[in-house]
Protein backbone atom coordinates (compact mmCIF):
# COMPACT_ATOMS: atom_id res chain seq x y z
CA MET A 1 81.47 107.70 78.21
CA PRO A 2 84.78 106.25 78.03
CA THR A 3 85.80 103.70 80.72
CA PRO A 4 88.39 105.41 83.21
CA PRO A 5 91.81 103.62 83.49
CA GLU A 6 92.34 101.39 86.26
CA ILE A 7 94.17 102.99 89.28
CA VAL A 8 95.79 101.80 92.50
CA ASP A 9 95.70 104.21 95.68
CA SER A 10 98.41 102.75 97.30
CA HIS A 11 97.82 104.68 100.65
CA CYS A 12 94.85 106.13 102.43
CA HIS A 13 93.20 105.95 105.93
CA LEU A 14 89.40 105.08 105.32
CA ASP A 15 89.46 104.20 109.13
CA PHE A 16 89.97 108.11 109.86
CA PRO A 17 86.76 109.83 111.65
CA ASP A 18 86.87 112.10 108.45
CA PHE A 19 84.87 108.96 106.75
CA ASP A 20 82.97 107.90 109.44
CA GLY A 21 79.26 106.54 107.96
CA GLU A 22 80.56 107.42 104.60
CA VAL A 23 83.53 104.54 103.78
CA ALA A 24 80.85 102.43 101.34
CA GLN A 25 80.28 105.91 99.58
CA VAL A 26 83.77 106.83 99.17
CA VAL A 27 84.66 103.34 97.91
CA ALA A 28 81.91 103.49 95.25
CA ARG A 29 83.05 107.13 94.22
CA ALA A 30 86.68 105.61 93.88
CA ARG A 31 85.62 102.99 91.70
CA ALA A 32 83.51 105.07 89.39
CA ALA A 33 86.95 107.31 88.87
CA GLY A 34 88.72 104.07 87.77
CA VAL A 35 90.49 103.51 91.24
CA THR A 36 89.60 99.62 91.69
CA ARG A 37 91.99 98.92 94.40
CA MET A 38 93.35 100.92 97.55
CA VAL A 39 95.39 100.04 100.72
CA THR A 40 93.77 101.59 103.99
CA ILE A 41 96.51 101.92 106.33
CA CYS A 42 96.29 101.43 110.35
CA THR A 43 98.57 103.59 112.25
CA ARG A 44 97.70 102.59 115.48
CA LEU A 45 97.32 98.84 116.47
CA ALA A 46 94.41 99.64 118.71
CA GLN A 47 92.72 100.69 115.54
CA ALA A 48 93.53 97.15 113.42
CA PRO A 49 89.85 95.64 114.04
CA LYS A 50 88.49 98.89 112.47
CA VAL A 51 90.70 98.66 109.42
CA ARG A 52 90.78 95.09 109.10
CA ALA A 53 86.92 95.51 109.01
CA ILE A 54 86.70 97.91 106.05
CA ALA A 55 89.12 95.78 104.25
CA GLU A 56 86.63 92.82 104.56
CA ALA A 57 83.77 94.74 103.90
CA HIS A 58 84.59 96.03 100.42
CA ALA A 59 86.08 94.29 97.30
CA GLY A 60 89.40 95.94 96.09
CA VAL A 61 90.31 97.12 99.57
CA PHE A 62 93.12 95.81 101.50
CA TRP A 63 94.94 96.77 104.65
CA ALA A 64 98.34 97.23 106.41
CA ALA A 65 99.09 98.01 109.65
CA GLY A 66 101.99 99.39 111.82
CA ILE A 67 103.08 102.23 114.54
CA HIS A 68 103.21 105.58 112.96
CA PRO A 69 106.49 107.29 114.19
CA MET A 70 104.59 110.20 115.65
CA ARG A 71 103.04 107.66 117.86
CA ALA A 72 106.04 105.69 118.78
CA GLY A 73 106.95 107.36 121.84
CA GLU A 74 103.28 107.24 123.25
CA ASP A 75 101.91 103.88 122.02
CA PRO A 76 103.10 100.49 123.41
CA ALA A 77 105.73 99.14 121.27
CA VAL A 78 104.68 96.78 118.82
CA THR A 79 106.40 93.10 118.35
CA VAL A 80 107.59 91.17 115.38
CA ALA A 81 105.25 88.37 116.60
CA GLU A 82 102.17 90.64 116.66
CA LEU A 83 102.93 92.09 113.10
CA VAL A 84 103.42 88.40 111.89
CA ALA A 85 100.20 87.33 113.39
CA LEU A 86 98.34 90.47 111.27
CA ALA A 87 99.64 89.25 108.22
CA GLU A 88 97.96 86.15 108.22
CA HIS A 89 94.85 88.02 107.41
CA PRO A 90 94.27 87.37 103.72
CA LYS A 91 93.90 91.05 102.88
CA PHE A 92 96.65 92.24 105.12
CA VAL A 93 99.48 93.33 102.20
CA GLY A 94 102.19 95.36 103.98
CA ILE A 95 104.02 96.13 107.04
CA GLY A 96 103.64 99.82 108.51
CA GLU A 97 103.19 102.55 107.82
CA THR A 98 106.49 103.44 110.10
CA GLY A 99 109.32 105.41 109.62
CA LEU A 100 110.93 108.47 111.29
CA ASP A 101 109.55 111.81 111.58
CA TYR A 102 111.50 114.69 113.43
CA HIS A 103 109.39 117.32 112.21
CA TYR A 104 107.19 117.46 115.31
CA THR A 105 108.43 114.46 117.15
CA ALA A 106 112.48 114.61 117.48
CA ASP A 107 112.18 114.12 120.90
CA THR A 108 111.05 110.41 120.59
CA ALA A 109 113.83 109.73 117.84
CA ALA A 110 115.20 106.77 119.65
CA ALA A 111 111.84 105.04 120.15
CA GLN A 112 111.36 105.70 116.52
CA GLN A 113 114.40 104.27 115.16
CA ALA A 114 113.90 100.99 117.39
CA SER A 115 110.08 100.88 116.32
CA LEU A 116 111.14 101.34 112.48
CA ARG A 117 113.80 98.26 112.93
CA ILE A 118 111.09 95.90 114.45
CA HIS A 119 108.99 96.60 111.36
CA ILE A 120 111.87 95.75 109.27
CA GLU A 121 112.20 92.68 110.85
CA ALA A 122 108.52 91.72 110.33
CA ALA A 123 108.37 92.94 106.71
CA ARG A 124 111.46 90.02 106.12
CA ALA A 125 109.57 87.73 108.38
CA THR A 126 106.27 87.86 106.19
CA GLY A 127 107.93 88.69 102.69
CA LEU A 128 105.58 91.65 102.68
CA PRO A 129 106.57 95.20 101.72
CA LEU A 130 107.63 97.94 104.36
CA ILE A 131 105.55 101.28 104.10
CA ILE A 132 107.73 104.13 105.17
CA HIS A 133 106.92 107.67 106.47
CA SER A 134 109.74 109.64 106.21
CA ARG A 135 109.81 113.61 107.34
CA ALA A 136 112.72 115.58 108.26
CA ALA A 137 114.92 112.61 108.94
CA ASP A 138 116.92 111.96 105.66
CA ASP A 139 120.31 111.04 107.15
CA ASP A 140 119.23 108.68 109.78
CA MET A 141 116.50 107.27 107.30
CA ALA A 142 119.08 106.45 104.45
CA ARG A 143 121.45 105.10 106.99
CA ILE A 144 118.92 102.94 108.89
CA LEU A 145 117.62 101.22 105.48
CA ALA A 146 120.80 100.69 104.10
CA GLU A 147 122.01 99.16 107.53
CA GLU A 148 119.08 96.70 107.57
CA HIS A 149 118.90 95.96 104.08
CA ARG A 150 122.77 94.68 104.08
CA ALA A 151 121.40 92.47 106.87
CA GLY A 152 118.75 91.42 104.87
CA ALA A 153 116.74 92.22 102.01
CA PHE A 154 113.15 93.60 102.16
CA GLY A 155 110.63 95.41 99.84
CA CYS A 156 109.81 98.92 100.42
CA VAL A 157 107.60 101.81 99.39
CA MET A 158 108.60 105.43 100.34
CA HIS A 159 105.09 106.48 100.98
CA CYS A 160 104.06 110.00 100.15
CA PHE A 161 107.72 110.98 98.99
CA SER A 162 108.57 114.50 99.84
CA SER A 163 112.19 114.45 100.67
CA SER A 164 115.40 115.12 99.24
CA PRO A 165 116.99 113.83 96.00
CA ALA A 166 119.50 112.16 98.02
CA LEU A 167 116.99 110.17 99.89
CA ALA A 168 115.31 109.33 97.00
CA ARG A 169 118.25 107.97 95.08
CA ALA A 170 119.27 106.11 98.19
CA ALA A 171 115.86 104.55 98.37
CA LEU A 172 116.27 103.60 94.57
CA GLU A 173 119.31 102.27 94.70
CA LEU A 174 118.13 99.71 97.44
CA GLY A 175 115.35 98.65 94.72
CA PHE A 176 112.61 100.64 96.78
CA TYR A 177 109.76 102.12 95.15
CA LEU A 178 108.83 105.86 95.58
CA SER A 179 104.96 106.71 96.03
CA MET A 180 103.29 110.34 94.34
CA SER A 181 100.97 111.86 96.24
CA GLY A 182 98.84 114.82 95.92
CA ILE A 183 102.07 117.12 97.01
CA ALA A 184 103.46 116.38 93.57
CA THR A 185 100.42 118.36 92.06
CA PHE A 186 100.85 121.39 94.06
CA PRO A 187 102.26 124.51 92.06
CA LYS A 188 105.09 125.08 94.47
CA SER A 189 106.34 121.57 94.77
CA GLN A 190 108.47 121.47 91.34
CA GLU A 191 111.32 119.68 93.28
CA ILE A 192 109.32 116.84 94.07
CA ARG A 193 108.11 116.63 90.68
CA ASP A 194 111.71 116.60 89.07
CA ILE A 195 112.58 113.72 91.55
CA PHE A 196 109.77 111.77 90.17
CA ALA A 197 110.37 112.59 86.71
CA ALA A 198 114.32 111.20 87.11
CA ALA A 199 113.26 108.14 88.71
CA PRO A 200 112.63 105.05 86.63
CA LEU A 201 108.97 104.33 85.67
CA ASP A 202 108.96 101.19 87.13
CA ARG A 203 109.59 102.30 90.87
CA VAL A 204 106.50 104.67 91.16
CA LEU A 205 103.28 104.33 92.89
CA VAL A 206 100.42 106.45 93.41
CA GLU A 207 98.25 107.52 96.44
CA THR A 208 96.15 109.97 97.93
CA ASP A 209 97.20 109.59 101.77
CA ALA A 210 93.43 110.46 102.14
CA PRO A 211 91.96 112.13 104.24
CA TYR A 212 94.97 114.30 103.60
CA LEU A 213 96.67 116.30 100.70
CA ALA A 214 93.97 116.89 98.44
CA PRO A 215 95.18 117.59 94.92
CA PRO A 216 93.64 120.29 92.95
CA PRO A 217 90.99 121.02 92.08
CA HIS A 218 89.92 119.71 95.59
CA ARG A 219 93.08 121.16 97.54
CA GLY A 220 92.07 122.51 101.13
CA ARG A 221 89.08 120.05 101.13
CA ARG A 222 89.28 116.37 102.38
CA ASN A 223 90.77 113.88 100.28
CA GLU A 224 89.68 110.46 99.19
CA PRO A 225 90.90 107.82 97.10
CA ALA A 226 88.86 108.74 93.92
CA TYR A 227 91.21 112.11 93.92
CA THR A 228 94.33 109.38 92.83
CA ALA A 229 93.15 110.18 89.19
CA HIS A 230 94.32 113.70 89.44
CA THR A 231 97.54 112.83 91.08
CA ALA A 232 98.50 110.18 88.27
CA ALA A 233 97.58 112.77 85.56
CA ILE A 234 100.21 114.66 86.66
CA GLY A 235 102.36 111.64 86.95
CA ALA A 236 101.72 111.04 83.23
CA THR A 237 102.55 114.26 82.13
CA LEU A 238 105.93 113.75 83.85
CA TYR A 239 106.94 110.71 81.80
CA GLY A 240 105.18 111.79 78.52
CA LEU A 241 102.52 109.34 78.54
CA SER A 242 98.74 109.09 78.59
CA LEU A 243 96.83 108.62 81.88
CA PRO A 244 95.82 105.15 80.72
CA GLU A 245 99.47 104.24 79.81
CA PHE A 246 100.57 105.89 83.52
CA ALA A 247 98.10 104.02 85.50
CA THR A 248 98.45 100.60 83.71
CA ALA A 249 102.42 101.13 84.58
CA THR A 250 101.77 101.98 88.12
CA SER A 251 99.23 99.42 88.86
CA ALA A 252 101.81 96.94 87.30
CA ASN A 253 104.24 98.29 90.18
CA PHE A 254 102.00 98.00 92.69
CA ASP A 255 101.43 94.36 91.65
CA ARG A 256 105.21 93.56 92.08
CA LEU A 257 105.58 95.19 95.10
CA PHE A 258 102.13 94.27 96.98
CA THR A 259 102.25 90.62 95.57
CA LYS A 260 99.53 89.58 98.09
CA ALA A 261 97.05 92.03 96.45
CA ARG A 262 97.23 90.38 93.14
CA GLY A 263 94.21 88.12 92.42
CA THR A 264 92.45 88.68 95.77
CA PRO A 265 88.87 89.99 95.78
């Protein structure tokens, strides 16, 4: 049996209840599918100890933490100092996820924007990449990212990108990365596929956002890091590459952005 190409799942949530009691098996299945590295994301700081413990227990699993924008109106505001302190952990590789989500929580837009700016300051202070969630907030997102980038550069990935071509262009012009999730594999997602096909290959990552957004043939069921391979296969076709070629390119992109994950067990 041929060895599968090595792929990175740049964004998943292994601390979510969907994986309780199964994390070891989920990580093992990922490795068997060629997903040798993954970043598990903490969306509420109260969960940080659990997320950190998962990363500590498994080789190839890294972590990041922040306040999800949908929680910004209810959770205590995080401080730059708190995020900088978390970043001292050897397997802590990114700041977030943070961002703006006006789809369900537009009433907390002001709190979300303030939280986003705090996370950006922490990304600058630590040199770690910012992990952005953006939904139904394209204009404000493009404006804030441009304003903040002018005030001081920082690295960034637009996680699970499913916004407009205009926001994609704005992000790419700032030197940021776009991350492809299972959404790109859905039959009705041609616009998203077109956005990725037009993006430079050296600015693209892949992810699952597990337990959400499982790609076919698992759509409608729980997603997990092993399924990154299905999304990567679609990405490869968009660039006219083989799966191993696309996996190699996106893994190199991950190493360039998430520099702290390079060479760390």
